[in-house]
Amino acid sequence: MVSNLEGVTAEDGASVPAEQIAAAVTAGSFIYGDGATQSFDADGTTRYVEHGRPTEGTWSVEADGRFSSFWPPSYQAFYDVRWMVEHRKIVGLRFIDLRNGASFDGLYQ
């Protein structure tokens, strides 16, 4: 279920403005193409479950507007966050790793 996005209009592939990233990532949990799931809490906690194995990290929006995730003990990544829109409805987010360009499509569950 998607919440927090009432009144937000977006175009498919457009960058999520820094001031909307928190609302976008906390609007619902995500499922990825490989079946992994992820949730982002308003307190900055994120949970990722892959093949039944849960991991927990943190997320934030940096002062320069980049989206960051940190996975203990030392993995940190920065992403460009883009809207995924179908039939004028926001259906998910695309996370593009700023280091290597890899993208991860998360559909709202």
C-alpha atoms as a PDB file:
ATOM      1  CA  MET A   1       0.000   0.000   0.000  1.00  0.00           C
ATOM      2  CA  VAL A   2       1.376   3.393  -1.015  1.00  0.00           C
ATOM      3  CA  SER A   3       0.873   6.361   1.280  1.00  0.00           C
ATOM      4  CA  ASN A   4       2.506   9.813   1.627  1.00  0.00           C
ATOM      5  CA  LEU A   5       2.246  10.513  -2.099  1.00  0.00           C
ATOM      6  CA  GLU A   6      -1.199  12.078  -2.335  1.00  0.00           C
ATOM      7  CA  GLY A   7      -1.045  15.027  -4.683  1.00  0.00           C
ATOM      8  CA  VAL A   8       2.444  14.195  -5.977  1.00  0.00           C
ATOM      9  CA  THR A   9       2.678  14.190  -9.749  1.00  0.00           C
ATOM     10  CA  ALA A  10       5.643  12.574 -11.426  1.00  0.00           C
ATOM     11  CA  GLU A  11       6.907  11.535 -14.825  1.00  0.00           C
ATOM     12  CA  ASP A  12       8.395   8.127 -15.446  1.00  0.00           C
ATOM     13  CA  GLY A  13      12.186   8.288 -15.166  1.00  0.00           C
ATOM     14  CA  ALA A  14      12.299  11.774 -13.655  1.00  0.00           C
ATOM     15  CA  SER A  15      14.549  12.321 -10.641  1.00  0.00           C
ATOM     16  CA  VAL A  16      12.740  12.494  -7.323  1.00  0.00           C
ATOM     17  CA  PRO A  17      13.382  15.993  -5.926  1.00  0.00           C
ATOM     18  CA  ALA A  18      15.475  15.910  -2.735  1.00  0.00           C
ATOM     19  CA  GLU A  19      12.589  17.323  -0.713  1.00  0.00           C
ATOM     20  CA  GLN A  20      10.336  14.403  -1.806  1.00  0.00           C
ATOM     21  CA  ILE A  21      12.799  11.515  -1.343  1.00  0.00           C
ATOM     22  CA  ALA A  22      11.858  10.809   2.282  1.00  0.00           C
ATOM     23  CA  ALA A  23       8.141  10.683   1.435  1.00  0.00           C
ATOM     24  CA  ALA A  24       8.832   8.525  -1.632  1.00  0.00           C
ATOM     25  CA  VAL A  25      10.942   5.876   0.124  1.00  0.00           C
ATOM     26  CA  THR A  26       8.675   5.664   3.178  1.00  0.00           C
ATOM     27  CA  ALA A  27       5.445   5.546   1.130  1.00  0.00           C
ATOM     28  CA  GLY A  28       5.425   1.748   1.152  1.00  0.00           C
ATOM     29  CA  SER A  29       7.595  -1.327   1.081  1.00  0.00           C
ATOM     30  CA  PHE A  30       9.288  -2.438  -2.128  1.00  0.00           C
ATOM     31  CA  ILE A  31       9.749  -5.664  -4.009  1.00  0.00           C
ATOM     32  CA  TYR A  32      12.583  -6.065  -6.494  1.00  0.00           C
ATOM     33  CA  GLY A  33      12.806  -8.248  -9.601  1.00  0.00           C
ATOM     34  CA  ASP A  34      14.711 -10.978  -7.770  1.00  0.00           C
ATOM     35  CA  GLY A  35      12.015 -11.220  -5.068  1.00  0.00           C
ATOM     36  CA  ALA A  36      13.967  -9.317  -2.419  1.00  0.00           C
ATOM     37  CA  THR A  37      11.950  -6.847  -0.346  1.00  0.00           C
ATOM     38  CA  GLN A  38      12.887  -3.614   1.378  1.00  0.00           C
ATOM     39  CA  SER A  39      11.274  -1.131   3.694  1.00  0.00           C
ATOM     40  CA  PHE A  40      12.401   2.320   4.768  1.00  0.00           C
ATOM     41  CA  ASP A  41      11.228   3.739   8.094  1.00  0.00           C
ATOM     42  CA  ALA A  42      10.862   7.446   8.848  1.00  0.00           C
ATOM     43  CA  ASP A  43      13.483   7.104  11.616  1.00  0.00           C
ATOM     44  CA  GLY A  44      16.167   6.270   9.023  1.00  0.00           C
ATOM     45  CA  THR A  45      16.134   2.486   9.409  1.00  0.00           C
ATOM     46  CA  THR A  46      15.945   0.234   6.360  1.00  0.00           C
ATOM     47  CA  ARG A  47      15.330  -3.502   6.253  1.00  0.00           C
ATOM     48  CA  TYR A  48      16.241  -5.672   3.266  1.00  0.00           C
ATOM     49  CA  VAL A  49      15.212  -9.315   2.977  1.00  0.00           C
ATOM     50  CA  GLU A  50      16.815 -11.529   0.339  1.00  0.00           C
ATOM     51  CA  HIS A  51      16.185 -15.302   0.189  1.00  0.00           C
ATOM     52  CA  GLY A  52      14.656 -15.102   3.662  1.00  0.00           C
ATOM     53  CA  ARG A  53      17.751 -13.444   5.166  1.00  0.00           C
ATOM     54  CA  PRO A  54      17.049 -10.046   6.729  1.00  0.00           C
ATOM     55  CA  THR A  55      19.637  -7.288   7.022  1.00  0.00           C
ATOM     56  CA  GLU A  56      19.246  -3.885   8.595  1.00  0.00           C
ATOM     57  CA  GLY A  57      20.898  -0.601   7.722  1.00  0.00           C
ATOM     58  CA  THR A  58      20.186   3.094   7.662  1.00  0.00           C
ATOM     59  CA  TRP A  59      19.216   5.601   4.994  1.00  0.00           C
ATOM     60  CA  SER A  60      19.353   9.368   4.704  1.00  0.00           C
ATOM     61  CA  VAL A  61      19.113  12.262   2.310  1.00  0.00           C
ATOM     62  CA  GLU A  62      22.451  14.065   2.304  1.00  0.00           C
ATOM     63  CA  ALA A  63      22.762  17.865   2.419  1.00  0.00           C
ATOM     64  CA  ASP A  64      23.558  17.846  -1.318  1.00  0.00           C
ATOM     65  CA  GLY A  65      20.312  15.945  -2.063  1.00  0.00           C
ATOM     66  CA  ARG A  66      21.854  12.514  -2.678  1.00  0.00           C
ATOM     67  CA  PHE A  67      20.121   9.454  -1.248  1.00  0.00           C
ATOM     68  CA  SER A  68      22.441   7.376   0.916  1.00  0.00           C
ATOM     69  CA  SER A  69      22.203   3.917   2.416  1.00  0.00           C
ATOM     70  CA  PHE A  70      24.620   2.447   4.946  1.00  0.00           C
ATOM     71  CA  TRP A  71      24.972  -1.265   5.705  1.00  0.00           C
ATOM     72  CA  PRO A  72      27.145  -2.135   8.690  1.00  0.00           C
ATOM     73  CA  PRO A  73      29.909  -2.551   9.207  1.00  0.00           C
ATOM     74  CA  SER A  74      31.219  -0.354   6.376  1.00  0.00           C
ATOM     75  CA  TYR A  75      29.219  -0.406   3.117  1.00  0.00           C
ATOM     76  CA  GLN A  76      27.794   2.948   2.052  1.00  0.00           C
ATOM     77  CA  ALA A  77      26.225   3.721  -1.303  1.00  0.00           C
ATOM     78  CA  PHE A  78      24.744   6.833  -2.885  1.00  0.00           C
ATOM     79  CA  TYR A  79      21.861   6.744  -5.341  1.00  0.00           C
ATOM     80  CA  ASP A  80      19.979   8.863  -7.805  1.00  0.00           C
ATOM     81  CA  VAL A  81      16.312   8.101  -7.081  1.00  0.00           C
ATOM     82  CA  ARG A  82      13.883   8.198 -10.008  1.00  0.00           C
ATOM     83  CA  TRP A  83      10.134   7.759 -10.280  1.00  0.00           C
ATOM     84  CA  MET A  84       8.574   4.714 -11.897  1.00  0.00           C
ATOM     85  CA  VAL A  85       5.192   5.706 -13.311  1.00  0.00           C
ATOM     86  CA  GLU A  86       2.646   3.641 -15.238  1.00  0.00           C
ATOM     87  CA  HIS A  87      -0.650   5.043 -16.514  1.00  0.00           C
ATOM     88  CA  ARG A  88      -0.007   8.279 -14.566  1.00  0.00           C
ATOM     89  CA  LYS A  89       0.298   6.350 -11.287  1.00  0.00           C
ATOM     90  CA  ILE A  90       3.513   6.163  -9.244  1.00  0.00           C
ATOM     91  CA  VAL A  91       4.274   2.440  -8.993  1.00  0.00           C
ATOM     92  CA  GLY A  92       7.806   2.427  -7.617  1.00  0.00           C
ATOM     93  CA  LEU A  93      11.283   3.885  -7.513  1.00  0.00           C
ATOM     94  CA  ARG A  94      14.441   3.237  -9.501  1.00  0.00           C
ATOM     95  CA  PHE A  95      17.642   3.488  -7.466  1.00  0.00           C
ATOM     96  CA  ILE A  96      20.719   4.205  -9.618  1.00  0.00           C
ATOM     97  CA  ASP A  97      24.069   3.650  -7.909  1.00  0.00           C
ATOM     98  CA  LEU A  98      26.154   6.795  -8.427  1.00  0.00           C
ATOM     99  CA  ARG A  99      29.375   4.802  -8.239  1.00  0.00           C
ATOM    100  CA  ASN A 100      28.782   2.224 -10.976  1.00  0.00           C
ATOM    101  CA  GLY A 101      25.460   3.072 -12.641  1.00  0.00           C
ATOM    102  CA  ALA A 102      23.742  -0.168 -11.571  1.00  0.00           C
ATOM    103  CA  SER A 103      19.996   0.295 -11.213  1.00  0.00           C
ATOM    104  CA  PHE A 104      17.511  -1.410  -8.942  1.00  0.00           C
ATOM    105  CA  ASP A 105      13.777  -1.151  -9.652  1.00  0.00           C
ATOM    106  CA  GLY A 106      11.615  -1.326  -6.546  1.00  0.00           C
ATOM    107  CA  LEU A 107       7.873  -1.656  -7.021  1.00  0.00           C
ATOM    108  CA  TYR A 108       5.593  -0.624  -4.193  1.00  0.00           C
ATOM    109  CA  GLN A 109       3.912  -3.661  -2.676  1.00  0.00           C
END
